[in-house]
PDB file of N, CA and C in Angstrom:
ATOM      1  N   MET A   1       0.512  -1.054  -0.092  1.00  0.00           N
ATOM      2  CA  MET A   1       0.104  -0.004   0.105  1.00  0.00           C
ATOM      3  C   MET A   1       0.515   1.095  -0.037  1.00  0.00           C
ATOM      4  N   PRO A   2       0.646   2.170  -0.799  1.00  0.00           N
ATOM      5  CA  PRO A   2       1.420   3.473  -0.876  1.00  0.00           C
ATOM      6  C   PRO A   2       1.170   4.337   0.292  1.00  0.00           C
ATOM      7  N   ASN A   3       2.168   4.980   0.549  1.00  0.00           N
ATOM      8  CA  ASN A   3       2.321   5.728   1.870  1.00  0.00           C
ATOM      9  C   ASN A   3       1.020   6.827   1.715  1.00  0.00           C
ATOM     10  N   VAL A   4       0.223   6.798   2.535  1.00  0.00           N
ATOM     11  CA  VAL A   4      -1.142   7.838   2.482  1.00  0.00           C
ATOM     12  C   VAL A   4      -0.742   9.022   2.806  1.00  0.00           C
ATOM     13  N   ASN A   5       0.454   9.204   3.067  1.00  0.00           N
ATOM     14  CA  ASN A   5       0.782  10.834   3.413  1.00  0.00           C
ATOM     15  C   ASN A   5       0.832  11.508   1.862  1.00  0.00           C
ATOM     16  N   GLN A   6       1.196  10.392   0.697  1.00  0.00           N
ATOM     17  CA  GLN A   6       2.011  11.044  -0.506  1.00  0.00           C
ATOM     18  C   GLN A   6       0.589  10.974  -1.037  1.00  0.00           C
ATOM     19  N   LEU A   7      -0.516  10.641  -0.983  1.00  0.00           N
ATOM     20  CA  LEU A   7      -1.610  10.483  -1.898  1.00  0.00           C
ATOM     21  C   LEU A   7      -2.467  11.759  -1.947  1.00  0.00           C
ATOM     22  N   SER A   8      -2.791  12.144  -3.190  1.00  0.00           N
ATOM     23  CA  SER A   8      -3.850  13.033  -2.895  1.00  0.00           C
ATOM     24  C   SER A   8      -5.088  13.228  -2.453  1.00  0.00           C
ATOM     25  N   THR A   9      -5.615  13.972  -1.891  1.00  0.00           N
ATOM     26  CA  THR A   9      -6.909  14.046  -1.460  1.00  0.00           C
ATOM     27  C   THR A   9      -8.123  13.052  -2.408  1.00  0.00           C
ATOM     28  N   GLU A  10      -7.908  13.445  -3.449  1.00  0.00           N
ATOM     29  CA  GLU A  10      -8.966  12.582  -4.424  1.00  0.00           C
ATOM     30  C   GLU A  10      -8.392  11.348  -4.492  1.00  0.00           C
ATOM     31  N   ARG A  11      -7.429  10.920  -4.877  1.00  0.00           N
ATOM     32  CA  ARG A  11      -7.118   9.569  -4.433  1.00  0.00           C
ATOM     33  C   ARG A  11      -7.209   8.776  -3.048  1.00  0.00           C
ATOM     34  N   LEU A  12      -7.146   9.505  -2.233  1.00  0.00           N
ATOM     35  CA  LEU A  12      -7.313   9.073  -0.625  1.00  0.00           C
ATOM     36  C   LEU A  12      -9.121   8.950  -0.545  1.00  0.00           C
ATOM     37  N   ARG A  13      -9.738   9.799  -1.346  1.00  0.00           N
ATOM     38  CA  ARG A  13     -11.210   9.462  -1.106  1.00  0.00           C
ATOM     39  C   ARG A  13     -11.653   8.476  -1.871  1.00  0.00           C
ATOM     40  N   ALA A  14     -10.903   8.311  -3.173  1.00  0.00           N
ATOM     41  CA  ALA A  14     -11.393   7.004  -3.667  1.00  0.00           C
ATOM     42  C   ALA A  14     -11.111   5.606  -3.039  1.00  0.00           C
ATOM     43  N   LEU A  15      -9.683   5.747  -2.430  1.00  0.00           N
ATOM     44  CA  LEU A  15      -9.344   4.754  -1.650  1.00  0.00           C
ATOM     45  C   LEU A  15     -10.280   4.097  -0.525  1.00  0.00           C
ATOM     46  N   ILE A  16     -11.039   5.495  -0.019  1.00  0.00           N
ATOM     47  CA  ILE A  16     -11.817   5.357   1.021  1.00  0.00           C
ATOM     48  C   ILE A  16     -13.195   4.694   0.596  1.00  0.00           C
ATOM     49  N   THR A  17     -13.793   5.055  -0.754  1.00  0.00           N
ATOM     50  CA  THR A  17     -14.759   4.893  -1.150  1.00  0.00           C
ATOM     51  C   THR A  17     -14.705   3.252  -1.561  1.00  0.00           C
ATOM     52  N   ASP A  18     -13.653   2.723  -2.036  1.00  0.00           N
ATOM     53  CA  ASP A  18     -13.347   1.588  -2.669  1.00  0.00           C
ATOM     54  C   ASP A  18     -13.285   0.574  -1.426  1.00  0.00           C
ATOM     55  N   THR A  19     -12.650   0.997  -0.437  1.00  0.00           N
ATOM     56  CA  THR A  19     -12.754   0.052   1.052  1.00  0.00           C
ATOM     57  C   THR A  19     -13.908   0.204   1.551  1.00  0.00           C
ATOM     58  N   GLU A  20     -14.655   1.083   1.432  1.00  0.00           N
ATOM     59  CA  GLU A  20     -16.073   0.868   1.982  1.00  0.00           C
ATOM     60  C   GLU A  20     -16.839  -0.046   0.954  1.00  0.00           C
ATOM     61  N   SER A  21     -16.795  -0.010  -0.214  1.00  0.00           N
ATOM     62  CA  SER A  21     -17.552  -0.805  -0.944  1.00  0.00           C
ATOM     63  C   SER A  21     -16.944  -2.369  -0.793  1.00  0.00           C
ATOM     64  N   THR A  22     -15.875  -2.333  -0.498  1.00  0.00           N
ATOM     65  CA  THR A  22     -15.605  -4.128  -0.355  1.00  0.00           C
ATOM     66  C   THR A  22     -15.834  -4.486   0.992  1.00  0.00           C
ATOM     67  N   LEU A  23     -15.831  -3.310   1.720  1.00  0.00           N
ATOM     68  CA  LEU A  23     -16.255  -3.961   3.039  1.00  0.00           C
ATOM     69  C   LEU A  23     -17.698  -4.375   3.187  1.00  0.00           C
ATOM     70  N   LYS A  24     -18.418  -3.543   2.438  1.00  0.00           N
ATOM     71  CA  LYS A  24     -20.048  -3.831   2.275  1.00  0.00           C
ATOM     72  C   LYS A  24     -20.098  -5.265   1.747  1.00  0.00           C
ATOM     73  N   ARG A  25     -19.585  -5.482   0.591  1.00  0.00           N
ATOM     74  CA  ARG A  25     -19.733  -6.571   0.018  1.00  0.00           C
ATOM     75  C   ARG A  25     -19.230  -7.886   0.552  1.00  0.00           C
ATOM     76  N   LEU A  26     -18.012  -7.615   1.533  1.00  0.00           N
ATOM     77  CA  LEU A  26     -17.667  -8.679   2.407  1.00  0.00           C
ATOM     78  C   LEU A  26     -18.650  -9.159   3.701  1.00  0.00           C
ATOM     79  N   LEU A  27     -19.214  -7.919   4.053  1.00  0.00           N
ATOM     80  CA  LEU A  27     -20.553  -8.144   5.073  1.00  0.00           C
ATOM     81  C   LEU A  27     -21.673  -8.709   4.384  1.00  0.00           C
ATOM     82  N   ILE A  28     -22.013  -8.605   3.187  1.00  0.00           N
ATOM     83  CA  ILE A  28     -22.921  -9.243   2.989  1.00  0.00           C
ATOM     84  C   ILE A  28     -22.650 -10.718   2.266  1.00  0.00           C
ATOM     85  N   GLU A  29     -21.391 -11.099   2.004  1.00  0.00           N
ATOM     86  CA  GLU A  29     -20.960 -12.409   1.942  1.00  0.00           C
ATOM     87  C   GLU A  29     -21.153 -13.071   3.117  1.00  0.00           C
ATOM     88  N   LEU A  30     -20.928 -12.423   4.407  1.00  0.00           N
ATOM     89  CA  LEU A  30     -20.460 -13.198   5.360  1.00  0.00           C
ATOM     90  C   LEU A  30     -21.968 -13.593   5.996  1.00  0.00           C
ATOM     91  N   GLU A  31     -23.363 -12.370   6.008  1.00  0.00           N
ATOM     92  CA  GLU A  31     -24.398 -12.619   6.036  1.00  0.00           C
ATOM     93  C   GLU A  31     -24.789 -13.638   5.524  1.00  0.00           C
ATOM     94  N   ASN A  32     -24.657 -14.000   4.208  1.00  0.00           N
ATOM     95  CA  ASN A  32     -24.855 -14.782   3.252  1.00  0.00           C
ATOM     96  C   ASN A  32     -24.553 -16.126   3.697  1.00  0.00           C
ATOM     97  N   ARG A  33     -23.318 -16.398   4.238  1.00  0.00           N
ATOM     98  CA  ARG A  33     -22.820 -17.769   4.558  1.00  0.00           C
ATOM     99  C   ARG A  33     -23.390 -18.196   6.209  1.00  0.00           C
ATOM    100  N   GLN A  34     -23.676 -17.106   6.915  1.00  0.00           N
ATOM    101  CA  GLN A  34     -24.463 -17.392   8.083  1.00  0.00           C
ATOM    102  C   GLN A  34     -25.602 -18.161   7.912  1.00  0.00           C
ATOM    103  N   PHE A  35     -26.543 -17.378   6.988  1.00  0.00           N
ATOM    104  CA  PHE A  35     -27.783 -17.591   6.594  1.00  0.00           C
ATOM    105  C   PHE A  35     -27.672 -19.148   6.235  1.00  0.00           C
ATOM    106  N   ILE A  36     -27.196 -19.382   5.277  1.00  0.00           N
ATOM    107  CA  ILE A  36     -26.893 -20.596   4.631  1.00  0.00           C
ATOM    108  C   ILE A  36     -26.692 -21.852   5.777  1.00  0.00           C
ATOM    109  N   GLU A  37     -25.637 -21.359   6.646  1.00  0.00           N
ATOM    110  CA  GLU A  37     -25.293 -22.430   7.568  1.00  0.00           C
ATOM    111  C   GLU A  37     -26.301 -22.514   8.617  1.00  0.00           C
ATOM    112  N   GLN A  38     -27.039 -21.441   9.169  1.00  0.00           N
ATOM    113  CA  GLN A  38     -28.460 -21.367   9.585  1.00  0.00           C
ATOM    114  C   GLN A  38     -29.097 -22.513   8.839  1.00  0.00           C
ATOM    115  N   GLU A  39     -29.759 -22.418   7.948  1.00  0.00           N
ATOM    116  CA  GLU A  39     -30.484 -23.179   7.075  1.00  0.00           C
ATOM    117  C   GLU A  39     -30.192 -24.539   6.907  1.00  0.00           C
ATOM    118  N   ASN A  40     -29.050 -24.680   6.930  1.00  0.00           N
ATOM    119  CA  ASN A  40     -28.268 -26.337   6.774  1.00  0.00           C
ATOM    120  C   ASN A  40     -28.604 -26.975   8.215  1.00  0.00           C
ATOM    121  N   GLN A  41     -28.341 -26.163   9.207  1.00  0.00           N
ATOM    122  CA  GLN A  41     -28.431 -26.323  10.770  1.00  0.00           C
ATOM    123  C   GLN A  41     -30.219 -26.937  10.831  1.00  0.00           C
ATOM    124  N   ILE A  42     -31.007 -25.944  10.361  1.00  0.00           N
ATOM    125  CA  ILE A  42     -32.468 -26.124  10.387  1.00  0.00           C
ATOM    126  C   ILE A  42     -32.679 -27.498   9.532  1.00  0.00           C
ATOM    127  N   GLN A  43     -32.183 -27.901   8.554  1.00  0.00           N
ATOM    128  CA  GLN A  43     -32.660 -28.910   7.721  1.00  0.00           C
ATOM    129  C   GLN A  43     -32.305 -30.135   8.482  1.00  0.00           C
ATOM    130  N   HIS A  44     -30.886 -30.015   9.066  1.00  0.00           N
ATOM    131  CA  HIS A  44     -30.437 -31.063   9.771  1.00  0.00           C
ATOM    132  C   HIS A  44     -31.022 -31.386  11.618  1.00  0.00           C
ATOM    133  N   LEU A  45     -31.729 -30.382  11.893  1.00  0.00           N
ATOM    134  CA  LEU A  45     -32.467 -30.266  13.350  1.00  0.00           C
ATOM    135  C   LEU A  45     -33.252 -31.682  13.363  1.00  0.00           C
ATOM    136  N   GLU A  46     -33.940 -32.294  12.933  1.00  0.00           N
ATOM    137  CA  GLU A  46     -34.494 -33.821  12.985  1.00  0.00           C
ATOM    138  C   GLU A  46     -33.265 -34.592  13.144  1.00  0.00           C
ATOM    139  N   GLU A  47     -32.401 -34.528  12.545  1.00  0.00           N
ATOM    140  CA  GLU A  47     -31.584 -35.775  12.654  1.00  0.00           C
ATOM    141  C   GLU A  47     -30.738 -35.719  14.218  1.00  0.00           C
ATOM    142  N   HIS A  48     -30.535 -34.024  14.490  1.00  0.00           N
ATOM    143  CA  HIS A  48     -29.874 -33.950  15.779  1.00  0.00           C
ATOM    144  C   HIS A  48     -30.811 -33.840  16.912  1.00  0.00           C
ATOM    145  N   ILE A  49     -31.953 -33.921  17.040  1.00  0.00           N
ATOM    146  CA  ILE A  49     -33.075 -34.412  17.770  1.00  0.00           C
ATOM    147  C   ILE A  49     -33.154 -36.099  17.795  1.00  0.00           C
ATOM    148  N   LYS A  50     -33.115 -36.999  16.573  1.00  0.00           N
ATOM    149  CA  LYS A  50     -33.179 -38.119  16.711  1.00  0.00           C
ATOM    150  C   LYS A  50     -31.963 -38.825  17.581  1.00  0.00           C
ATOM    151  N   GLY A  51     -30.933 -37.884  17.320  1.00  0.00           N
ATOM    152  CA  GLY A  51     -29.573 -38.414  18.131  1.00  0.00           C
ATOM    153  C   GLY A  51     -29.654 -38.200  19.275  1.00  0.00           C
ATOM    154  N   ALA A  52     -29.969 -36.998  19.901  1.00  0.00           N
ATOM    155  CA  ALA A  52     -30.271 -36.563  21.359  1.00  0.00           C
ATOM    156  C   ALA A  52     -31.286 -37.538  21.787  1.00  0.00           C
ATOM    157  N   GLU A  53     -32.491 -38.208  21.454  1.00  0.00           N
ATOM    158  CA  GLU A  53     -33.585 -39.218  21.553  1.00  0.00           C
ATOM    159  C   GLU A  53     -32.878 -40.203  21.783  1.00  0.00           C
ATOM    160  N   LEU A  54     -32.015 -40.649  21.049  1.00  0.00           N
ATOM    161  CA  LEU A  54     -31.383 -41.936  21.192  1.00  0.00           C
ATOM    162  C   LEU A  54     -30.318 -42.056  22.430  1.00  0.00           C
ATOM    163  N   SER A  55     -29.260 -40.763  22.515  1.00  0.00           N
ATOM    164  CA  SER A  55     -28.640 -40.842  23.484  1.00  0.00           C
ATOM    165  C   SER A  55     -29.482 -40.897  24.715  1.00  0.00           C
ATOM    166  N   LEU A  56     -30.480 -39.999  25.042  1.00  0.00           N
ATOM    167  CA  LEU A  56     -31.552 -39.957  26.163  1.00  0.00           C
ATOM    168  C   LEU A  56     -31.953 -41.472  26.425  1.00  0.00           C
ATOM    169  N   SER A  57     -32.377 -42.048  25.516  1.00  0.00           N
ATOM    170  CA  SER A  57     -32.903 -43.512  25.625  1.00  0.00           C
ATOM    171  C   SER A  57     -31.697 -44.372  26.246  1.00  0.00           C
ATOM    172  N   THR A  58     -30.337 -44.263  25.817  1.00  0.00           N
ATOM    173  CA  THR A  58     -29.645 -45.044  25.798  1.00  0.00           C
ATOM    174  C   THR A  58     -29.102 -44.969  28.013  1.00  0.00           C
ATOM    175  N   ILE A  59     -29.184 -43.507  28.131  1.00  0.00           N
ATOM    176  CA  ILE A  59     -28.712 -43.011  29.154  1.00  0.00           C
ATOM    177  C   ILE A  59     -30.344 -43.751  30.242  1.00  0.00           C
ATOM    178  N   ARG A  60     -31.368 -43.552  29.931  1.00  0.00           N
ATOM    179  CA  ARG A  60     -32.339 -44.299  30.454  1.00  0.00           C
ATOM    180  C   ARG A  60     -32.284 -45.711  30.710  1.00  0.00           C
ATOM    181  N   ASP A  61     -31.964 -46.375  29.735  1.00  0.00           N
ATOM    182  CA  ASP A  61     -31.645 -48.024  29.789  1.00  0.00           C
ATOM    183  C   ASP A  61     -30.357 -48.433  30.403  1.00  0.00           C
ATOM    184  N   PHE A  62     -29.465 -47.508  30.893  1.00  0.00           N
ATOM    185  CA  PHE A  62     -28.226 -47.863  31.409  1.00  0.00           C
ATOM    186  C   PHE A  62     -28.652 -47.604  33.151  1.00  0.00           C
ATOM    187  N   LEU A  63     -29.442 -46.465  33.363  1.00  0.00           N
ATOM    188  CA  LEU A  63     -29.881 -46.063  34.762  1.00  0.00           C
ATOM    189  C   LEU A  63     -30.729 -47.249  35.143  1.00  0.00           C
ATOM    190  N   ALA A  64     -31.619 -47.746  34.330  1.00  0.00           N
ATOM    191  CA  ALA A  64     -32.739 -48.576  34.816  1.00  0.00           C
ATOM    192  C   ALA A  64     -31.983 -49.803  35.009  1.00  0.00           C
ATOM    193  N   LEU A  65     -31.050 -50.101  34.389  1.00  0.00           N
ATOM    194  CA  LEU A  65     -30.016 -51.328  34.543  1.00  0.00           C
ATOM    195  C   LEU A  65     -29.049 -51.304  35.930  1.00  0.00           C
ATOM    196  N   VAL A  66     -28.727 -49.975  36.352  1.00  0.00           N
ATOM    197  CA  VAL A  66     -27.885 -49.658  37.484  1.00  0.00           C
ATOM    198  C   VAL A  66     -28.949 -49.952  38.462  1.00  0.00           C
ATOM    199  N   ILE A  67     -29.846 -49.465  38.443  1.00  0.00           N
ATOM    200  CA  ILE A  67     -31.235 -49.342  39.662  1.00  0.00           C
ATOM    201  C   ILE A  67     -31.231 -50.827  39.775  1.00  0.00           C
ATOM    202  N   ALA A  68     -31.648 -51.685  38.588  1.00  0.00           N
ATOM    203  CA  ALA A  68     -32.153 -53.031  38.866  1.00  0.00           C
ATOM    204  C   ALA A  68     -31.016 -53.704  39.489  1.00  0.00           C
ATOM    205  N   GLN A  69     -29.606 -53.401  39.055  1.00  0.00           N
ATOM    206  CA  GLN A  69     -28.643 -54.261  40.132  1.00  0.00           C
ATOM    207  C   GLN A  69     -28.601 -53.904  41.097  1.00  0.00           C
ATOM    208  N   ASN A  70     -28.445 -52.903  41.412  1.00  0.00           N
ATOM    209  CA  ASN A  70     -28.787 -52.087  42.784  1.00  0.00           C
ATOM    210  C   ASN A  70     -29.621 -53.013  43.818  1.00  0.00           C
ATOM    211  N   ILE A  71     -30.746 -53.021  42.742  1.00  0.00           N
ATOM    212  CA  ILE A  71     -32.229 -53.399  44.227  1.00  0.00           C
ATOM    213  C   ILE A  71     -31.511 -55.084  44.458  1.00  0.00           C
ATOM    214  N   GLN A  72     -31.032 -55.748  43.371  1.00  0.00           N
ATOM    215  CA  GLN A  72     -30.624 -57.150  43.554  1.00  0.00           C
ATOM    216  C   GLN A  72     -29.766 -57.619  44.553  1.00  0.00           C
ATOM    217  N   ASN A  73     -28.865 -56.616  44.492  1.00  0.00           N
ATOM    218  CA  ASN A  73     -27.420 -56.467  45.317  1.00  0.00           C
ATOM    219  C   ASN A  73     -27.873 -56.467  46.902  1.00  0.00           C
ATOM    220  N   LYS A  74     -28.959 -55.378  46.908  1.00  0.00           N
ATOM    221  CA  LYS A  74     -29.383 -55.330  48.420  1.00  0.00           C
ATOM    222  C   LYS A  74     -30.387 -56.545  48.922  1.00  0.00           C
ATOM    223  N   LYS A  75     -30.760 -57.214  48.161  1.00  0.00           N
ATOM    224  CA  LYS A  75     -31.536 -58.302  48.517  1.00  0.00           C
ATOM    225  C   LYS A  75     -30.877 -59.500  49.372  1.00  0.00           C
TER     226      LYS A  75
END
């Protein structure tokens, strides 16, 4: 990047305009990517819920087994 102290006022304004324009395009791209990622997560939400239900079911089964064994050991 050239030394900004040596740039004309017009060139400096042009650089600022270009920079602001680039920043706006980058922000739009970032928002689009975030939106797409959210959409992907929403589309896979049912899979995530099923995985959580399976994990919860496994935990319940395990706890039932532990409780049953604990009851048998106390007899």
